[in-house]
Amino acid sequence: MTGPSSKKSGAGRSRTGPVRDWSGRFGRAALIGIPLAVLVVWTLTPIVWAVLASLKEPLEIYESNALLPANPTLAAYRKVLAMDGFGRWLFNSALVTVVATFVPLTISVLAAYGFARYAFRFRHVLLLLYLVPRIIPRVSLIVPLNSLMSDLGLINTYWVLFITYSASAIPLATWILVGFFASVPKEIEEAATIDGANMWNRLRRVMIPIAWPGVVTAGVLCVREAWNEFAFVLALVNESTMRTLPYQLYVLKDAMGVQDYAVYNAFTVLTILPLLLVYLLLERRVVDSIVSGSVK
């Protein structure tokens, strides 16, 4: 039996339903949006401040508390580009980054394929041991590495940077790629085997194309590691011609003798600019690979 009271209660539920649903969506959006906004502000504030400070006159940073430059100028960037050795430092960073990206990726692809497809004894133990170089603090490795490379005669050479940077990037890249290779259905490889493909053809024509987002992600992380590396180059290089951009940024304050913060910030912006360009160009692939990896 339905009466006026039941109709009123139904109407009341229909009126309050959308309000509650809207408040629930707003609460979920706030719960996600506020931490993201704080994270974005926390991340971008130093970068924005460095860019704005690099556009100021040298004395303006001391005399004015204003965030925006009164008369924006590129004089600091011209000073950095005119530094004796800047081209060399940029070349060193680029060369070491390229080598320390392609070599670890090549080794990591082979290692990850083996870990993902072959069930040999102590496979999980060996995969865990792969993380040892990442677990040990790099500061504790500086002294033994310096002693070893000195005995090998590799101090102040590109080889010492190639070896140490690659060895540092291989564990991370391998762990990323193992998950992507393991998620590829074995039936696809079996079909390729029936068609006459050997292991190398399966890896090159089947596994890598399917797991390509993971390869790109591992490559971006290798680029970041090599470009930003500081501890190893500080301990294993002492000649100015072998410095990388992060190393030179570290010694710039003592080398100049005058605290020109506009030049410091211009050098900082030019140092991180190539890495930002890499992230902007490959950001979509990295995000897609992370999302697909989480779903798989």
C-alpha atoms as a PDB file:
ATOM      1  CA  MET A   1       0.000   0.000   0.000  1.00  0.00           C
ATOM      2  CA  THR A   2       1.395   3.347  -1.037  1.00  0.00           C
ATOM      3  CA  GLY A   3       0.291   6.629   0.367  1.00  0.00           C
ATOM      4  CA  PRO A   4       1.348  10.231   0.496  1.00  0.00           C
ATOM      5  CA  SER A   5       3.951   9.533   3.169  1.00  0.00           C
ATOM      6  CA  SER A   6       5.725   6.942   0.998  1.00  0.00           C
ATOM      7  CA  LYS A   7       5.747   9.327  -1.956  1.00  0.00           C
ATOM      8  CA  LYS A   8       7.214  12.054   0.187  1.00  0.00           C
ATOM      9  CA  SER A   9       9.963   9.772   1.483  1.00  0.00           C
ATOM     10  CA  GLY A  10      10.798   8.696  -2.070  1.00  0.00           C
ATOM     11  CA  ALA A  11      10.963  12.290  -3.196  1.00  0.00           C
ATOM     12  CA  GLY A  12      13.202  13.092  -0.274  1.00  0.00           C
ATOM     13  CA  ARG A  13      15.616  10.361  -1.246  1.00  0.00           C
ATOM     14  CA  SER A  14      15.693  11.555  -4.841  1.00  0.00           C
ATOM     15  CA  ARG A  15      16.490  15.097  -3.723  1.00  0.00           C
ATOM     16  CA  THR A  16      19.267  14.150  -1.329  1.00  0.00           C
ATOM     17  CA  GLY A  17      20.807  11.480  -3.561  1.00  0.00           C
ATOM     18  CA  PRO A  18      22.456  13.803  -6.094  1.00  0.00           C
ATOM     19  CA  VAL A  19      23.662  16.091  -3.321  1.00  0.00           C
ATOM     20  CA  ARG A  20      25.377  13.235  -1.516  1.00  0.00           C
ATOM     21  CA  ASP A  21      26.805  11.902  -4.772  1.00  0.00           C
ATOM     22  CA  TRP A  22      28.171  15.339  -5.645  1.00  0.00           C
ATOM     23  CA  SER A  23      29.709  15.764  -2.208  1.00  0.00           C
ATOM     24  CA  GLY A  24      31.281  12.310  -2.490  1.00  0.00           C
ATOM     25  CA  ARG A  25      32.845  13.142  -5.846  1.00  0.00           C
ATOM     26  CA  PHE A  26      34.087  16.456  -4.484  1.00  0.00           C
ATOM     27  CA  GLY A  27      35.623  14.726  -1.478  1.00  0.00           C
ATOM     28  CA  ARG A  28      37.408  12.159  -3.633  1.00  0.00           C
ATOM     29  CA  ALA A  29      38.633  14.897  -5.981  1.00  0.00           C
ATOM     30  CA  ALA A  30      39.929  16.925  -3.047  1.00  0.00           C
ATOM     31  CA  LEU A  31      41.592  13.876  -1.535  1.00  0.00           C
ATOM     32  CA  ILE A  32      43.517  13.315  -4.780  1.00  0.00           C
ATOM     33  CA  GLY A  33      43.879  16.876  -6.013  1.00  0.00           C
ATOM     34  CA  ILE A  34      45.212  18.571  -2.885  1.00  0.00           C
ATOM     35  CA  PRO A  35      48.235  16.246  -2.411  1.00  0.00           C
ATOM     36  CA  LEU A  36      48.972  16.466  -6.148  1.00  0.00           C
ATOM     37  CA  ALA A  37      48.804  20.265  -6.048  1.00  0.00           C
ATOM     38  CA  VAL A  38      51.146  20.361  -3.061  1.00  0.00           C
ATOM     39  CA  LEU A  39      53.550  18.005  -4.828  1.00  0.00           C
ATOM     40  CA  VAL A  40      53.510  20.092  -8.016  1.00  0.00           C
ATOM     41  CA  VAL A  41      54.156  23.318  -6.096  1.00  0.00           C
ATOM     42  CA  TRP A  42      56.898  21.659  -4.045  1.00  0.00           C
ATOM     43  CA  THR A  43      58.581  20.374  -7.226  1.00  0.00           C
ATOM     44  CA  LEU A  44      58.231  23.440  -9.435  1.00  0.00           C
ATOM     45  CA  THR A  45      59.054  26.146  -6.888  1.00  0.00           C
ATOM     46  CA  PRO A  46      62.866  25.633  -6.923  1.00  0.00           C
ATOM     47  CA  ILE A  47      62.897  25.397 -10.732  1.00  0.00           C
ATOM     48  CA  VAL A  48      60.799  28.533 -11.193  1.00  0.00           C
ATOM     49  CA  TRP A  49      62.900  30.412  -8.647  1.00  0.00           C
ATOM     50  CA  ALA A  50      66.126  29.359 -10.395  1.00  0.00           C
ATOM     51  CA  VAL A  51      64.809  30.490 -13.795  1.00  0.00           C
ATOM     52  CA  LEU A  52      63.659  33.855 -12.466  1.00  0.00           C
ATOM     53  CA  ALA A  53      66.896  34.400 -10.534  1.00  0.00           C
ATOM     54  CA  SER A  54      68.950  33.619 -13.640  1.00  0.00           C
ATOM     55  CA  LEU A  55      67.188  36.484 -15.461  1.00  0.00           C
ATOM     56  CA  LYS A  56      68.131  39.081 -12.821  1.00  0.00           C
ATOM     57  CA  GLU A  57      71.112  41.380 -12.602  1.00  0.00           C
ATOM     58  CA  PRO A  58      73.835  40.109 -10.214  1.00  0.00           C
ATOM     59  CA  LEU A  59      73.173  42.781  -7.567  1.00  0.00           C
ATOM     60  CA  GLU A  60      69.393  42.655  -7.925  1.00  0.00           C
ATOM     61  CA  ILE A  61      69.251  39.347  -6.047  1.00  0.00           C
ATOM     62  CA  TYR A  62      70.867  41.015  -3.018  1.00  0.00           C
ATOM     63  CA  GLU A  63      69.116  44.384  -3.209  1.00  0.00           C
ATOM     64  CA  SER A  64      65.537  43.302  -3.993  1.00  0.00           C
ATOM     65  CA  ASN A  65      63.228  40.748  -2.448  1.00  0.00           C
ATOM     66  CA  ALA A  66      60.931  40.738  -5.470  1.00  0.00           C
ATOM     67  CA  LEU A  67      60.397  37.366  -7.118  1.00  0.00           C
ATOM     68  CA  LEU A  68      60.124  38.709 -10.669  1.00  0.00           C
ATOM     69  CA  PRO A  69      63.166  40.393 -12.231  1.00  0.00           C
ATOM     70  CA  ALA A  70      62.817  44.150 -12.737  1.00  0.00           C
ATOM     71  CA  ASN A  71      64.708  44.096 -16.044  1.00  0.00           C
ATOM     72  CA  PRO A  72      64.978  40.516 -17.370  1.00  0.00           C
ATOM     73  CA  THR A  73      68.296  39.827 -19.048  1.00  0.00           C
ATOM     74  CA  LEU A  74      70.102  36.849 -20.545  1.00  0.00           C
ATOM     75  CA  ALA A  75      73.529  38.114 -19.480  1.00  0.00           C
ATOM     76  CA  ALA A  76      74.002  35.236 -17.031  1.00  0.00           C
ATOM     77  CA  TYR A  77      73.362  32.666 -19.757  1.00  0.00           C
ATOM     78  CA  ARG A  78      75.832  34.404 -22.060  1.00  0.00           C
ATOM     79  CA  LYS A  79      78.446  34.266 -19.300  1.00  0.00           C
ATOM     80  CA  VAL A  80      77.851  30.547 -18.790  1.00  0.00           C
ATOM     81  CA  LEU A  81      78.034  29.734 -22.500  1.00  0.00           C
ATOM     82  CA  ALA A  82      81.201  31.831 -22.803  1.00  0.00           C
ATOM     83  CA  MET A  83      82.959  29.957 -19.983  1.00  0.00           C
ATOM     84  CA  ASP A  84      86.195  28.306 -21.016  1.00  0.00           C
ATOM     85  CA  GLY A  85      85.398  24.590 -20.956  1.00  0.00           C
ATOM     86  CA  PHE A  86      81.593  24.680 -20.987  1.00  0.00           C
ATOM     87  CA  GLY A  87      81.450  22.891 -24.333  1.00  0.00           C
ATOM     88  CA  ARG A  88      83.806  20.230 -23.006  1.00  0.00           C
ATOM     89  CA  TRP A  89      81.741  19.655 -19.877  1.00  0.00           C
ATOM     90  CA  LEU A  90      78.574  19.400 -21.953  1.00  0.00           C
ATOM     91  CA  PHE A  91      80.260  16.912 -24.287  1.00  0.00           C
ATOM     92  CA  ASN A  92      81.470  14.822 -21.338  1.00  0.00           C
ATOM     93  CA  SER A  93      77.969  14.652 -19.846  1.00  0.00           C
ATOM     94  CA  ALA A  94      76.402  13.775 -23.195  1.00  0.00           C
ATOM     95  CA  LEU A  95      78.975  11.110 -24.068  1.00  0.00           C
ATOM     96  CA  VAL A  96      78.838   9.406 -20.680  1.00  0.00           C
ATOM     97  CA  THR A  97      75.034   9.511 -20.670  1.00  0.00           C
ATOM     98  CA  VAL A  98      74.747   7.940 -24.129  1.00  0.00           C
ATOM     99  CA  VAL A  99      77.168   5.129 -23.308  1.00  0.00           C
ATOM    100  CA  ALA A 100      75.707   4.597 -19.823  1.00  0.00           C
ATOM    101  CA  THR A 101      72.244   4.262 -21.379  1.00  0.00           C
ATOM    102  CA  PHE A 102      72.777   1.957 -24.348  1.00  0.00           C
ATOM    103  CA  VAL A 103      75.219  -0.409 -22.635  1.00  0.00           C
ATOM    104  CA  PRO A 104      73.018  -1.031 -19.548  1.00  0.00           C
ATOM    105  CA  LEU A 105      69.926  -1.378 -21.736  1.00  0.00           C
ATOM    106  CA  THR A 106      71.595  -3.995 -23.916  1.00  0.00           C
ATOM    107  CA  ILE A 107      72.825  -6.013 -20.946  1.00  0.00           C
ATOM    108  CA  SER A 108      69.570  -5.562 -19.028  1.00  0.00           C
ATOM    109  CA  VAL A 109      67.421  -6.763 -21.940  1.00  0.00           C
ATOM    110  CA  LEU A 110      69.402 -10.001 -22.149  1.00  0.00           C
ATOM    111  CA  ALA A 111      69.460 -10.485 -18.381  1.00  0.00           C
ATOM    112  CA  ALA A 112      65.764  -9.687 -17.942  1.00  0.00           C
ATOM    113  CA  TYR A 113      64.782 -12.062 -20.737  1.00  0.00           C
ATOM    114  CA  GLY A 114      66.751 -14.853 -19.075  1.00  0.00           C
ATOM    115  CA  PHE A 115      65.223 -14.205 -15.665  1.00  0.00           C
ATOM    116  CA  ALA A 116      61.701 -13.962 -17.094  1.00  0.00           C
ATOM    117  CA  ARG A 117      61.726 -16.986 -19.407  1.00  0.00           C
ATOM    118  CA  TYR A 118      64.150 -19.577 -17.994  1.00  0.00           C
ATOM    119  CA  ALA A 119      63.418 -21.289 -14.670  1.00  0.00           C
ATOM    120  CA  PHE A 120      66.983 -22.124 -13.631  1.00  0.00           C
ATOM    121  CA  ARG A 121      68.089 -22.850 -10.073  1.00  0.00           C
ATOM    122  CA  PHE A 122      68.576 -19.921  -7.692  1.00  0.00           C
ATOM    123  CA  ARG A 123      66.951 -17.609 -10.219  1.00  0.00           C
ATOM    124  CA  HIS A 124      65.189 -15.551  -7.555  1.00  0.00           C
ATOM    125  CA  VAL A 125      68.326 -15.408  -5.413  1.00  0.00           C
ATOM    126  CA  LEU A 126      70.383 -14.080  -8.314  1.00  0.00           C
ATOM    127  CA  LEU A 127      67.690 -11.559  -9.152  1.00  0.00           C
ATOM    128  CA  LEU A 128      67.731 -10.393  -5.551  1.00  0.00           C
ATOM    129  CA  LEU A 129      71.525 -10.089  -5.635  1.00  0.00           C
ATOM    130  CA  TYR A 130      71.111  -7.793  -8.619  1.00  0.00           C
ATOM    131  CA  LEU A 131      69.792  -5.210  -6.176  1.00  0.00           C
ATOM    132  CA  VAL A 132      72.920  -5.229  -4.000  1.00  0.00           C
ATOM    133  CA  PRO A 133      74.627  -2.370  -5.906  1.00  0.00           C
ATOM    134  CA  ARG A 134      71.460  -0.314  -5.444  1.00  0.00           C
ATOM    135  CA  ILE A 135      71.099  -1.128  -1.750  1.00  0.00           C
ATOM    136  CA  ILE A 136      74.670  -0.291  -0.744  1.00  0.00           C
ATOM    137  CA  PRO A 137      75.156   3.494  -0.301  1.00  0.00           C
ATOM    138  CA  ARG A 138      77.350   4.924  -3.033  1.00  0.00           C
ATOM    139  CA  VAL A 139      79.437   6.815  -0.511  1.00  0.00           C
ATOM    140  CA  SER A 140      80.664   3.502   0.903  1.00  0.00           C
ATOM    141  CA  LEU A 141      81.783   2.428  -2.599  1.00  0.00           C
ATOM    142  CA  ILE A 142      83.893   5.490  -3.343  1.00  0.00           C
ATOM    143  CA  VAL A 143      87.054   4.450  -1.485  1.00  0.00           C
ATOM    144  CA  PRO A 144      87.289   0.853  -2.817  1.00  0.00           C
ATOM    145  CA  LEU A 145      86.352   2.002  -6.332  1.00  0.00           C
ATOM    146  CA  ASN A 146      88.975   4.721  -6.268  1.00  0.00           C
ATOM    147  CA  SER A 147      91.611   2.242  -5.118  1.00  0.00           C
ATOM    148  CA  LEU A 148      90.607  -0.342  -7.738  1.00  0.00           C
ATOM    149  CA  MET A 149      90.484   2.127 -10.621  1.00  0.00           C
ATOM    150  CA  SER A 150      93.820   3.630  -9.559  1.00  0.00           C
ATOM    151  CA  ASP A 151      95.419   0.178  -9.727  1.00  0.00           C
ATOM    152  CA  LEU A 152      93.911  -0.305 -13.195  1.00  0.00           C
ATOM    153  CA  GLY A 153      95.117   3.095 -14.347  1.00  0.00           C
ATOM    154  CA  LEU A 154      91.621   4.290 -15.246  1.00  0.00           C
ATOM    155  CA  ILE A 155      91.427   7.424 -13.100  1.00  0.00           C
ATOM    156  CA  ASN A 156      90.646  10.550 -15.175  1.00  0.00           C
ATOM    157  CA  THR A 157      89.495   8.515 -18.176  1.00  0.00           C
ATOM    158  CA  TYR A 158      86.138   8.033 -19.840  1.00  0.00           C
ATOM    159  CA  TRP A 159      86.361   4.307 -19.143  1.00  0.00           C
ATOM    160  CA  VAL A 160      86.104   4.774 -15.393  1.00  0.00           C
ATOM    161  CA  LEU A 161      82.857   6.697 -15.867  1.00  0.00           C
ATOM    162  CA  PHE A 162      81.511   4.235 -18.431  1.00  0.00           C
ATOM    163  CA  ILE A 163      82.117   1.286 -16.119  1.00  0.00           C
ATOM    164  CA  THR A 164      80.796   2.799 -12.895  1.00  0.00           C
ATOM    165  CA  TYR A 165      77.766   4.485 -14.451  1.00  0.00           C
ATOM    166  CA  SER A 166      76.767   1.356 -16.383  1.00  0.00           C
ATOM    167  CA  ALA A 167      77.214  -0.895 -13.370  1.00  0.00           C
ATOM    168  CA  SER A 168      74.975   1.423 -11.370  1.00  0.00           C
ATOM    169  CA  ALA A 169      72.197   1.489 -13.991  1.00  0.00           C
ATOM    170  CA  ILE A 170      72.047  -2.220 -14.911  1.00  0.00           C
ATOM    171  CA  PRO A 171      70.245  -3.461 -11.745  1.00  0.00           C
ATOM    172  CA  LEU A 172      67.464  -0.890 -11.998  1.00  0.00           C
ATOM    173  CA  ALA A 173      66.899  -1.468 -15.717  1.00  0.00           C
ATOM    174  CA  THR A 174      66.918  -5.251 -15.264  1.00  0.00           C
ATOM    175  CA  TRP A 175      64.301  -5.198 -12.525  1.00  0.00           C
ATOM    176  CA  ILE A 176      62.026  -2.982 -14.621  1.00  0.00           C
ATOM    177  CA  LEU A 177      62.334  -5.168 -17.728  1.00  0.00           C
ATOM    178  CA  VAL A 178      61.839  -8.489 -15.924  1.00  0.00           C
ATOM    179  CA  GLY A 179      58.270  -7.539 -15.085  1.00  0.00           C
ATOM    180  CA  PHE A 180      57.466  -6.507 -18.639  1.00  0.00           C
ATOM    181  CA  PHE A 181      59.011  -9.608 -20.211  1.00  0.00           C
ATOM    182  CA  ALA A 182      57.273 -11.880 -17.726  1.00  0.00           C
ATOM    183  CA  SER A 183      53.897 -10.337 -18.621  1.00  0.00           C
ATOM    184  CA  VAL A 184      54.241 -11.296 -22.308  1.00  0.00           C
ATOM    185  CA  PRO A 185      52.227 -14.503 -22.903  1.00  0.00           C
ATOM    186  CA  LYS A 186      54.418 -17.499 -23.619  1.00  0.00           C
ATOM    187  CA  GLU A 187      52.004 -18.599 -26.347  1.00  0.00           C
ATOM    188  CA  ILE A 188      53.233 -15.736 -28.528  1.00  0.00           C
ATOM    189  CA  GLU A 189      56.803 -16.982 -28.304  1.00  0.00           C
ATOM    190  CA  GLU A 190      55.702 -20.557 -28.883  1.00  0.00           C
ATOM    191  CA  ALA A 191      53.908 -19.477 -32.064  1.00  0.00           C
ATOM    192  CA  ALA A 192      57.069 -17.711 -33.224  1.00  0.00           C
ATOM    193  CA  THR A 193      59.095 -20.836 -32.459  1.00  0.00           C
ATOM    194  CA  ILE A 194      56.760 -22.954 -34.578  1.00  0.00           C
ATOM    195  CA  ASP A 195      57.318 -20.492 -37.430  1.00  0.00           C
ATOM    196  CA  GLY A 196      61.053 -21.134 -37.162  1.00  0.00           C
ATOM    197  CA  ALA A 197      62.235 -18.212 -35.016  1.00  0.00           C
ATOM    198  CA  ASN A 198      65.235 -18.868 -32.796  1.00  0.00           C
ATOM    199  CA  MET A 199      65.858 -17.231 -29.423  1.00  0.00           C
ATOM    200  CA  TRP A 200      67.465 -14.094 -30.853  1.00  0.00           C
ATOM    201  CA  ASN A 201      64.655 -13.590 -33.361  1.00  0.00           C
ATOM    202  CA  ARG A 202      62.036 -14.089 -30.655  1.00  0.00           C
ATOM    203  CA  LEU A 203      63.756 -11.562 -28.442  1.00  0.00           C
ATOM    204  CA  ARG A 204      64.288  -9.002 -31.206  1.00  0.00           C
ATOM    205  CA  ARG A 205      61.035  -9.364 -33.135  1.00  0.00           C
ATOM    206  CA  VAL A 206      58.553 -10.458 -30.444  1.00  0.00           C
ATOM    207  CA  MET A 207      59.611  -9.626 -26.903  1.00  0.00           C
ATOM    208  CA  ILE A 208      61.220  -6.206 -27.350  1.00  0.00           C
ATOM    209  CA  PRO A 209      58.416  -4.739 -29.529  1.00  0.00           C
ATOM    210  CA  ILE A 210      55.742  -5.887 -27.076  1.00  0.00           C
ATOM    211  CA  ALA A 211      57.721  -4.718 -24.035  1.00  0.00           C
ATOM    212  CA  TRP A 212      58.892  -1.526 -25.772  1.00  0.00           C
ATOM    213  CA  PRO A 213      57.211   0.840 -23.244  1.00  0.00           C
ATOM    214  CA  GLY A 214      59.230  -0.828 -20.491  1.00  0.00           C
ATOM    215  CA  VAL A 215      62.426  -0.473 -22.526  1.00  0.00           C
ATOM    216  CA  VAL A 216      61.712   3.234 -22.988  1.00  0.00           C
ATOM    217  CA  THR A 217      61.057   3.658 -19.273  1.00  0.00           C
ATOM    218  CA  ALA A 218      64.282   1.884 -18.361  1.00  0.00           C
ATOM    219  CA  GLY A 219      66.147   4.027 -20.894  1.00  0.00           C
ATOM    220  CA  VAL A 220      64.764   7.268 -19.440  1.00  0.00           C
ATOM    221  CA  LEU A 221      65.782   6.199 -15.934  1.00  0.00           C
ATOM    222  CA  CYS A 222      69.268   5.314 -17.196  1.00  0.00           C
ATOM    223  CA  VAL A 223      69.548   8.758 -18.788  1.00  0.00           C
ATOM    224  CA  ARG A 224      68.505  10.389 -15.549  1.00  0.00           C
ATOM    225  CA  GLU A 225      70.971   8.362 -13.507  1.00  0.00           C
ATOM    226  CA  ALA A 226      73.910   9.056 -15.815  1.00  0.00           C
ATOM    227  CA  TRP A 227      73.197  12.743 -16.350  1.00  0.00           C
ATOM    228  CA  ASN A 228      72.729  13.507 -12.639  1.00  0.00           C
ATOM    229  CA  GLU A 229      75.503  11.256 -11.321  1.00  0.00           C
ATOM    230  CA  PHE A 230      77.813  13.172  -9.007  1.00  0.00           C
ATOM    231  CA  ALA A 231      79.437  10.941  -6.380  1.00  0.00           C
ATOM    232  CA  PHE A 232      81.389   8.727  -8.791  1.00  0.00           C
ATOM    233  CA  VAL A 233      82.677  11.533 -11.004  1.00  0.00           C
ATOM    234  CA  LEU A 234      83.689  13.506  -7.924  1.00  0.00           C
ATOM    235  CA  ALA A 235      85.737  10.585  -6.576  1.00  0.00           C
ATOM    236  CA  LEU A 236      87.197   9.243  -9.826  1.00  0.00           C
ATOM    237  CA  VAL A 237      87.947  12.417 -11.794  1.00  0.00           C
ATOM    238  CA  ASN A 238      90.148  15.335 -10.751  1.00  0.00           C
ATOM    239  CA  GLU A 239      91.007  16.973 -14.066  1.00  0.00           C
ATOM    240  CA  SER A 240      88.955  19.921 -15.239  1.00  0.00           C
ATOM    241  CA  THR A 241      88.743  18.579 -18.804  1.00  0.00           C
ATOM    242  CA  MET A 242      87.014  15.405 -17.557  1.00  0.00           C
ATOM    243  CA  ARG A 243      84.329  17.111 -15.491  1.00  0.00           C
ATOM    244  CA  THR A 244      80.637  16.737 -16.222  1.00  0.00           C
ATOM    245  CA  LEU A 245      78.066  19.501 -15.832  1.00  0.00           C
ATOM    246  CA  PRO A 246      76.896  18.461 -12.313  1.00  0.00           C
ATOM    247  CA  TYR A 247      80.529  18.297 -11.154  1.00  0.00           C
ATOM    248  CA  GLN A 248      81.342  21.709 -12.599  1.00  0.00           C
ATOM    249  CA  LEU A 249      78.212  23.158 -11.011  1.00  0.00           C
ATOM    250  CA  TYR A 250      79.501  21.899  -7.670  1.00  0.00           C
ATOM    251  CA  VAL A 251      82.913  23.582  -8.056  1.00  0.00           C
ATOM    252  CA  LEU A 252      81.569  26.707  -9.773  1.00  0.00           C
ATOM    253  CA  LYS A 253      81.220  28.703  -6.565  1.00  0.00           C
ATOM    254  CA  ASP A 254      84.866  28.227  -5.557  1.00  0.00           C
ATOM    255  CA  ALA A 255      86.102  28.599  -9.136  1.00  0.00           C
ATOM    256  CA  MET A 256      84.459  31.991  -9.706  1.00  0.00           C
ATOM    257  CA  GLY A 257      85.477  33.537  -6.414  1.00  0.00           C
ATOM    258  CA  VAL A 258      82.458  35.887  -6.502  1.00  0.00           C
ATOM    259  CA  GLN A 259      78.968  34.803  -5.525  1.00  0.00           C
ATOM    260  CA  ASP A 260      77.137  35.593  -8.745  1.00  0.00           C
ATOM    261  CA  TYR A 261      73.870  33.782  -8.076  1.00  0.00           C
ATOM    262  CA  ALA A 262      72.471  34.721 -11.473  1.00  0.00           C
ATOM    263  CA  VAL A 263      75.287  32.765 -13.122  1.00  0.00           C
ATOM    264  CA  TYR A 264      74.850  29.857 -10.694  1.00  0.00           C
ATOM    265  CA  ASN A 265      71.170  29.589 -11.496  1.00  0.00           C
ATOM    266  CA  ALA A 266      71.739  29.987 -15.238  1.00  0.00           C
ATOM    267  CA  PHE A 267      74.266  27.131 -15.068  1.00  0.00           C
ATOM    268  CA  THR A 268      71.716  25.083 -13.110  1.00  0.00           C
ATOM    269  CA  VAL A 269      68.973  25.695 -15.675  1.00  0.00           C
ATOM    270  CA  LEU A 270      71.260  24.746 -18.568  1.00  0.00           C
ATOM    271  CA  THR A 271      72.309  21.608 -16.685  1.00  0.00           C
ATOM    272  CA  ILE A 272      68.786  20.295 -16.105  1.00  0.00           C
ATOM    273  CA  LEU A 273      67.348  21.510 -19.433  1.00  0.00           C
ATOM    274  CA  PRO A 274      68.428  18.452 -21.519  1.00  0.00           C
ATOM    275  CA  LEU A 275      66.945  16.111 -18.926  1.00  0.00           C
ATOM    276  CA  LEU A 276      63.677  18.040 -18.904  1.00  0.00           C
ATOM    277  CA  LEU A 277      63.503  17.817 -22.694  1.00  0.00           C
ATOM    278  CA  VAL A 278      63.973  14.036 -22.536  1.00  0.00           C
ATOM    279  CA  TYR A 279      61.150  13.736 -20.009  1.00  0.00           C
ATOM    280  CA  LEU A 280      58.840  15.976 -22.040  1.00  0.00           C
ATOM    281  CA  LEU A 281      59.468  14.023 -25.240  1.00  0.00           C
ATOM    282  CA  LEU A 282      59.026  10.581 -23.664  1.00  0.00           C
ATOM    283  CA  GLU A 283      56.608  11.420 -20.841  1.00  0.00           C
ATOM    284  CA  ARG A 284      53.605   9.779 -22.495  1.00  0.00           C
ATOM    285  CA  ARG A 285      55.446   6.513 -23.121  1.00  0.00           C
ATOM    286  CA  VAL A 286      56.764   6.424 -19.562  1.00  0.00           C
ATOM    287  CA  VAL A 287      53.318   7.025 -18.073  1.00  0.00           C
ATOM    288  CA  ASP A 288      51.721   4.427 -20.371  1.00  0.00           C
ATOM    289  CA  SER A 289      54.340   1.862 -19.403  1.00  0.00           C
ATOM    290  CA  ILE A 290      53.841   2.498 -15.691  1.00  0.00           C
ATOM    291  CA  VAL A 291      50.051   2.210 -16.048  1.00  0.00           C
ATOM    292  CA  SER A 292      50.239  -0.933 -18.195  1.00  0.00           C
ATOM    293  CA  GLY A 293      52.773  -2.463 -15.823  1.00  0.00           C
ATOM    294  CA  SER A 294      50.503  -1.823 -12.847  1.00  0.00           C
ATOM    295  CA  VAL A 295      47.538  -3.383 -14.677  1.00  0.00           C
ATOM    296  CA  LYS A 296      49.522  -6.430 -15.708  1.00  0.00           C
END
